[in-house]
Amino acid sequence: MKMDPGEFRMNHKLNKLIENADIVRFIKSSRIAWLCHVMQMDDRRTPKKILEWKPVGMRIRGRPRKR
């Protein structure tokens, strides 16, 4: 079931889509499925690079200076 950008779904349509499952479990399982999909991607793909990216250095502590 494909959604158009900006389309809203009513609660009864969402319940039908997820078959009255717990919404939190549905979202978590969707995220896990996406993670599995990204893990199988080629190492040159952007989502895979972002997932495996490790930041270097450290951030400065405290409040930013007023400029």
PDB file of N, CA and C in Angstrom:
ATOM      1  N   MET A   1       0.830  -1.161   0.000  1.00  0.00           N
ATOM      2  CA  MET A   1       0.000   0.000   0.000  1.00  0.00           C
ATOM      3  C   MET A   1       0.885   1.238   0.000  1.00  0.00           C
ATOM      4  N   LYS A   2       0.979   1.945  -1.104  1.00  0.00           N
ATOM      5  CA  LYS A   2       1.854   3.102  -1.252  1.00  0.00           C
ATOM      6  C   LYS A   2       1.113   4.372  -0.838  1.00  0.00           C
ATOM      7  N   MET A   3       1.832   5.246  -0.114  1.00  0.00           N
ATOM      8  CA  MET A   3       1.235   6.514   0.326  1.00  0.00           C
ATOM      9  C   MET A   3       1.758   7.649  -0.513  1.00  0.00           C
ATOM     10  N   ASP A   4       0.898   8.608  -0.793  1.00  0.00           N
ATOM     11  CA  ASP A   4       1.321   9.834  -1.452  1.00  0.00           C
ATOM     12  C   ASP A   4       1.884  10.768  -0.394  1.00  0.00           C
ATOM     13  N   PRO A   5       2.871  11.616  -0.775  1.00  0.00           N
ATOM     14  CA  PRO A   5       3.393  12.582   0.206  1.00  0.00           C
ATOM     15  C   PRO A   5       2.279  13.501   0.702  1.00  0.00           C
ATOM     16  N   GLY A   6       2.220  13.713   1.978  1.00  0.00           N
ATOM     17  CA  GLY A   6       1.213  14.583   2.564  1.00  0.00           C
ATOM     18  C   GLY A   6      -0.121  13.902   2.815  1.00  0.00           C
ATOM     19  N   GLU A   7      -0.232  12.611   2.514  1.00  0.00           N
ATOM     20  CA  GLU A   7      -1.484  11.890   2.730  1.00  0.00           C
ATOM     21  C   GLU A   7      -1.591  11.474   4.198  1.00  0.00           C
ATOM     22  N   PHE A   8      -2.766  11.637   4.764  1.00  0.00           N
ATOM     23  CA  PHE A   8      -3.016  11.224   6.141  1.00  0.00           C
ATOM     24  C   PHE A   8      -3.919  10.001   6.123  1.00  0.00           C
ATOM     25  N   ARG A   9      -3.687   9.105   7.055  1.00  0.00           N
ATOM     26  CA  ARG A   9      -4.529   7.913   7.171  1.00  0.00           C
ATOM     27  C   ARG A   9      -5.316   7.983   8.463  1.00  0.00           C
ATOM     28  N   MET A  10      -6.538   7.548   8.398  1.00  0.00           N
ATOM     29  CA  MET A  10      -7.388   7.505   9.574  1.00  0.00           C
ATOM     30  C   MET A  10      -7.020   6.294  10.432  1.00  0.00           C
ATOM     31  N   ASN A  11      -7.391   6.338  11.699  1.00  0.00           N
ATOM     32  CA  ASN A  11      -7.048   5.259  12.627  1.00  0.00           C
ATOM     33  C   ASN A  11      -7.587   3.911  12.160  1.00  0.00           C
ATOM     34  N   HIS A  12      -8.815   3.882  11.651  1.00  0.00           N
ATOM     35  CA  HIS A  12      -9.367   2.592  11.226  1.00  0.00           C
ATOM     36  C   HIS A  12      -8.605   2.028  10.027  1.00  0.00           C
ATOM     37  N   LYS A  13      -8.064   2.894   9.168  1.00  0.00           N
ATOM     38  CA  LYS A  13      -7.255   2.416   8.042  1.00  0.00           C
ATOM     39  C   LYS A  13      -5.907   1.892   8.533  1.00  0.00           C
ATOM     40  N   LEU A  14      -5.326   2.576   9.513  1.00  0.00           N
ATOM     41  CA  LEU A  14      -4.052   2.112  10.077  1.00  0.00           C
ATOM     42  C   LEU A  14      -4.225   0.779  10.784  1.00  0.00           C
ATOM     43  N   ASN A  15      -5.315   0.630  11.537  1.00  0.00           N
ATOM     44  CA  ASN A  15      -5.569  -0.642  12.213  1.00  0.00           C
ATOM     45  C   ASN A  15      -5.729  -1.775  11.209  1.00  0.00           C
ATOM     46  N   LYS A  16      -6.382  -1.487  10.099  1.00  0.00           N
ATOM     47  CA  LYS A  16      -6.535  -2.506   9.062  1.00  0.00           C
ATOM     48  C   LYS A  16      -5.186  -2.855   8.432  1.00  0.00           C
ATOM     49  N   LEU A  17      -4.342  -1.832   8.237  1.00  0.00           N
ATOM     50  CA  LEU A  17      -3.022  -2.039   7.637  1.00  0.00           C
ATOM     51  C   LEU A  17      -2.137  -2.911   8.519  1.00  0.00           C
ATOM     52  N   ILE A  18      -2.115  -2.636   9.819  1.00  0.00           N
ATOM     53  CA  ILE A  18      -1.234  -3.393  10.714  1.00  0.00           C
ATOM     54  C   ILE A  18      -1.953  -4.563  11.366  1.00  0.00           C
ATOM     55  N   GLU A  19      -3.185  -4.805  10.966  1.00  0.00           N
ATOM     56  CA  GLU A  19      -3.972  -5.945  11.444  1.00  0.00           C
ATOM     57  C   GLU A  19      -4.117  -5.932  12.964  1.00  0.00           C
ATOM     58  N   ASN A  20      -4.450  -4.765  13.521  1.00  0.00           N
ATOM     59  CA  ASN A  20      -4.693  -4.565  14.948  1.00  0.00           C
ATOM     60  C   ASN A  20      -3.536  -4.992  15.842  1.00  0.00           C
ATOM     61  N   ALA A  21      -2.312  -4.970  15.320  1.00  0.00           N
ATOM     62  CA  ALA A  21      -1.139  -5.308  16.124  1.00  0.00           C
ATOM     63  C   ALA A  21      -0.762  -4.103  16.983  1.00  0.00           C
ATOM     64  N   ASP A  22       0.102  -4.331  17.939  1.00  0.00           N
ATOM     65  CA  ASP A  22       0.611  -3.254  18.777  1.00  0.00           C
ATOM     66  C   ASP A  22       1.454  -2.331  17.906  1.00  0.00           C
ATOM     67  N   ILE A  23       1.138  -1.037  17.898  1.00  0.00           N
ATOM     68  CA  ILE A  23       1.805  -0.100  16.994  1.00  0.00           C
ATOM     69  C   ILE A  23       3.289   0.010  17.306  1.00  0.00           C
ATOM     70  N   VAL A  24       3.672  -0.050  18.575  1.00  0.00           N
ATOM     71  CA  VAL A  24       5.084   0.047  18.944  1.00  0.00           C
ATOM     72  C   VAL A  24       5.856  -1.143  18.392  1.00  0.00           C
ATOM     73  N   ARG A  25       5.307  -2.331  18.528  1.00  0.00           N
ATOM     74  CA  ARG A  25       5.967  -3.527  17.978  1.00  0.00           C
ATOM     75  C   ARG A  25       6.044  -3.461  16.463  1.00  0.00           C
ATOM     76  N   PHE A  26       4.998  -2.945  15.832  1.00  0.00           N
ATOM     77  CA  PHE A  26       4.991  -2.817  14.378  1.00  0.00           C
ATOM     78  C   PHE A  26       6.108  -1.887  13.914  1.00  0.00           C
ATOM     79  N   ILE A  27       6.267  -0.748  14.585  1.00  0.00           N
ATOM     80  CA  ILE A  27       7.311   0.210  14.215  1.00  0.00           C
ATOM     81  C   ILE A  27       8.690  -0.384  14.459  1.00  0.00           C
ATOM     82  N   LYS A  28       8.882  -1.041  15.602  1.00  0.00           N
ATOM     83  CA  LYS A  28      10.181  -1.657  15.896  1.00  0.00           C
ATOM     84  C   LYS A  28      10.531  -2.737  14.883  1.00  0.00           C
ATOM     85  N   SER A  29       9.554  -3.557  14.499  1.00  0.00           N
ATOM     86  CA  SER A  29       9.841  -4.603  13.522  1.00  0.00           C
ATOM     87  C   SER A  29      10.148  -4.001  12.151  1.00  0.00           C
ATOM     88  N   SER A  30       9.505  -2.890  11.824  1.00  0.00           N
ATOM     89  CA  SER A  30       9.807  -2.210  10.562  1.00  0.00           C
ATOM     90  C   SER A  30      11.228  -1.667  10.565  1.00  0.00           C
ATOM     91  N   ARG A  31      11.644  -1.098  11.706  1.00  0.00           N
ATOM     92  CA  ARG A  31      13.009  -0.582  11.814  1.00  0.00           C
ATOM     93  C   ARG A  31      14.041  -1.698  11.710  1.00  0.00           C
ATOM     94  N   ILE A  32      13.754  -2.835  12.339  1.00  0.00           N
ATOM     95  CA  ILE A  32      14.674  -3.969  12.269  1.00  0.00           C
ATOM     96  C   ILE A  32      14.760  -4.493  10.840  1.00  0.00           C
ATOM     97  N   ALA A  33      13.636  -4.532  10.145  1.00  0.00           N
ATOM     98  CA  ALA A  33      13.643  -4.973   8.750  1.00  0.00           C
ATOM     99  C   ALA A  33      14.476  -4.027   7.899  1.00  0.00           C
ATOM    100  N   TRP A  34      14.360  -2.720   8.142  1.00  0.00           N
ATOM    101  CA  TRP A  34      15.145  -1.731   7.389  1.00  0.00           C
ATOM    102  C   TRP A  34      16.633  -1.906   7.700  1.00  0.00           C
ATOM    103  N   LEU A  35      16.975  -2.156   8.976  1.00  0.00           N
ATOM    104  CA  LEU A  35      18.366  -2.370   9.350  1.00  0.00           C
ATOM    105  C   LEU A  35      18.939  -3.578   8.621  1.00  0.00           C
ATOM    106  N   CYS A  36      18.188  -4.665   8.558  1.00  0.00           N
ATOM    107  CA  CYS A  36      18.640  -5.860   7.834  1.00  0.00           C
ATOM    108  C   CYS A  36      18.855  -5.538   6.359  1.00  0.00           C
ATOM    109  N   HIS A  37      17.978  -4.738   5.802  1.00  0.00           N
ATOM    110  CA  HIS A  37      18.090  -4.338   4.393  1.00  0.00           C
ATOM    111  C   HIS A  37      19.375  -3.529   4.175  1.00  0.00           C
ATOM    112  N   VAL A  38      19.657  -2.590   5.074  1.00  0.00           N
ATOM    113  CA  VAL A  38      20.850  -1.750   4.941  1.00  0.00           C
ATOM    114  C   VAL A  38      22.114  -2.576   5.136  1.00  0.00           C
ATOM    115  N   MET A  39      22.084  -3.521   6.078  1.00  0.00           N
ATOM    116  CA  MET A  39      23.272  -4.338   6.334  1.00  0.00           C
ATOM    117  C   MET A  39      23.665  -5.179   5.119  1.00  0.00           C
ATOM    118  N   GLN A  40      22.703  -5.525   4.273  1.00  0.00           N
ATOM    119  CA  GLN A  40      22.996  -6.329   3.092  1.00  0.00           C
ATOM    120  C   GLN A  40      23.451  -5.492   1.895  1.00  0.00           C
ATOM    121  N   MET A  41      23.400  -4.155   2.032  1.00  0.00           N
ATOM    122  CA  MET A  41      23.789  -3.279   0.924  1.00  0.00           C
ATOM    123  C   MET A  41      25.289  -3.344   0.672  1.00  0.00           C
ATOM    124  N   ASP A  42      25.664  -2.891  -0.520  1.00  0.00           N
ATOM    125  CA  ASP A  42      27.069  -2.774  -0.888  1.00  0.00           C
ATOM    126  C   ASP A  42      27.724  -1.699  -0.018  1.00  0.00           C
ATOM    127  N   ASP A  43      29.012  -1.854   0.279  1.00  0.00           N
ATOM    128  CA  ASP A  43      29.705  -0.916   1.161  1.00  0.00           C
ATOM    129  C   ASP A  43      29.805   0.488   0.571  1.00  0.00           C
ATOM    130  N   ARG A  44      29.628   0.660  -0.713  1.00  0.00           N
ATOM    131  CA  ARG A  44      29.715   1.983  -1.340  1.00  0.00           C
ATOM    132  C   ARG A  44      28.411   2.762  -1.256  1.00  0.00           C
ATOM    133  N   ARG A  45      27.308   2.137  -0.840  1.00  0.00           N
ATOM    134  CA  ARG A  45      26.023   2.826  -0.758  1.00  0.00           C
ATOM    135  C   ARG A  45      26.002   3.777   0.435  1.00  0.00           C
ATOM    136  N   THR A  46      25.350   4.921   0.259  1.00  0.00           N
ATOM    137  CA  THR A  46      25.322   5.964   1.289  1.00  0.00           C
ATOM    138  C   THR A  46      24.703   5.503   2.608  1.00  0.00           C
ATOM    139  N   PRO A  47      23.547   4.830   2.619  1.00  0.00           N
ATOM    140  CA  PRO A  47      22.999   4.410   3.930  1.00  0.00           C
ATOM    141  C   PRO A  47      23.954   3.493   4.701  1.00  0.00           C
ATOM    142  N   LYS A  48      24.650   2.639   4.010  1.00  0.00           N
ATOM    143  CA  LYS A  48      25.600   1.734   4.665  1.00  0.00           C
ATOM    144  C   LYS A  48      26.784   2.524   5.234  1.00  0.00           C
ATOM    145  N   LYS A  49      27.277   3.514   4.468  1.00  0.00           N
ATOM    146  CA  LYS A  49      28.372   4.350   4.959  1.00  0.00           C
ATOM    147  C   LYS A  49      27.964   5.107   6.216  1.00  0.00           C
ATOM    148  N   ILE A  50      26.744   5.657   6.207  1.00  0.00           N
ATOM    149  CA  ILE A  50      26.271   6.417   7.353  1.00  0.00           C
ATOM    150  C   ILE A  50      26.098   5.509   8.563  1.00  0.00           C
ATOM    151  N   LEU A  51      25.596   4.307   8.358  1.00  0.00           N
ATOM    152  CA  LEU A  51      25.406   3.377   9.463  1.00  0.00           C
ATOM    153  C   LEU A  51      26.736   3.003  10.109  1.00  0.00           C
ATOM    154  N   GLU A  52      27.776   2.836   9.314  1.00  0.00           N
ATOM    155  CA  GLU A  52      29.069   2.388   9.823  1.00  0.00           C
ATOM    156  C   GLU A  52      30.017   3.537  10.164  1.00  0.00           C
ATOM    157  N   TRP A  53      29.577   4.803   9.989  1.00  0.00           N
ATOM    158  CA  TRP A  53      30.419   5.959  10.225  1.00  0.00           C
ATOM    159  C   TRP A  53      30.720   6.128  11.708  1.00  0.00           C
ATOM    160  N   LYS A  54      31.962   6.395  12.022  1.00  0.00           N
ATOM    161  CA  LYS A  54      32.371   6.661  13.396  1.00  0.00           C
ATOM    162  C   LYS A  54      32.930   8.083  13.443  1.00  0.00           C
ATOM    163  N   PRO A  55      32.341   8.964  14.234  1.00  0.00           N
ATOM    164  CA  PRO A  55      32.854  10.329  14.318  1.00  0.00           C
ATOM    165  C   PRO A  55      34.238  10.354  14.954  1.00  0.00           C
ATOM    166  N   VAL A  56      35.043  11.318  14.525  1.00  0.00           N
ATOM    167  CA  VAL A  56      36.391  11.455  15.071  1.00  0.00           C
ATOM    168  C   VAL A  56      36.470  12.751  15.868  1.00  0.00           C
ATOM    169  N   GLY A  57      37.363  12.800  16.817  1.00  0.00           N
ATOM    170  CA  GLY A  57      37.552  14.004  17.610  1.00  0.00           C
ATOM    171  C   GLY A  57      36.531  14.121  18.727  1.00  0.00           C
ATOM    172  N   MET A  58      36.555  15.286  19.348  1.00  0.00           N
ATOM    173  CA  MET A  58      35.641  15.532  20.466  1.00  0.00           C
ATOM    174  C   MET A  58      34.989  16.896  20.285  1.00  0.00           C
ATOM    175  N   ARG A  59      33.793  17.033  20.808  1.00  0.00           N
ATOM    176  CA  ARG A  59      33.109  18.322  20.792  1.00  0.00           C
ATOM    177  C   ARG A  59      33.591  19.153  21.969  1.00  0.00           C
ATOM    178  N   ILE A  60      33.531  20.461  21.797  1.00  0.00           N
ATOM    179  CA  ILE A  60      33.906  21.367  22.868  1.00  0.00           C
ATOM    180  C   ILE A  60      32.780  21.371  23.914  1.00  0.00           C
ATOM    181  N   ARG A  61      33.156  21.313  25.188  1.00  0.00           N
ATOM    182  CA  ARG A  61      32.166  21.308  26.263  1.00  0.00           C
ATOM    183  C   ARG A  61      31.614  22.697  26.499  1.00  0.00           C
ATOM    184  N   GLY A  62      30.416  22.752  27.008  1.00  0.00           N
ATOM    185  CA  GLY A  62      29.851  24.017  27.454  1.00  0.00           C
ATOM    186  C   GLY A  62      28.980  24.703  26.412  1.00  0.00           C
ATOM    187  N   ARG A  63      28.548  25.890  26.786  1.00  0.00           N
ATOM    188  CA  ARG A  63      27.663  26.688  25.950  1.00  0.00           C
ATOM    189  C   ARG A  63      28.451  27.317  24.797  1.00  0.00           C
ATOM    190  N   PRO A  64      27.841  27.406  23.612  1.00  0.00           N
ATOM    191  CA  PRO A  64      28.540  28.056  22.501  1.00  0.00           C
ATOM    192  C   PRO A  64      28.812  29.534  22.788  1.00  0.00           C
ATOM    193  N   ARG A  65      29.910  30.057  22.224  1.00  0.00           N
ATOM    194  CA  ARG A  65      30.239  31.470  22.403  1.00  0.00           C
ATOM    195  C   ARG A  65      29.216  32.345  21.697  1.00  0.00           C
ATOM    196  N   LYS A  66      29.005  33.551  22.222  1.00  0.00           N
ATOM    197  CA  LYS A  66      28.195  34.539  21.527  1.00  0.00           C
ATOM    198  C   LYS A  66      29.089  35.212  20.499  1.00  0.00           C
ATOM    199  N   ARG A  67      28.577  35.369  19.303  1.00  0.00           N
ATOM    200  CA  ARG A  67      29.409  35.962  18.253  1.00  0.00           C
ATOM    201  C   ARG A  67      28.784  37.195  17.726  1.00  0.00           C
TER     202      ARG A  67
END
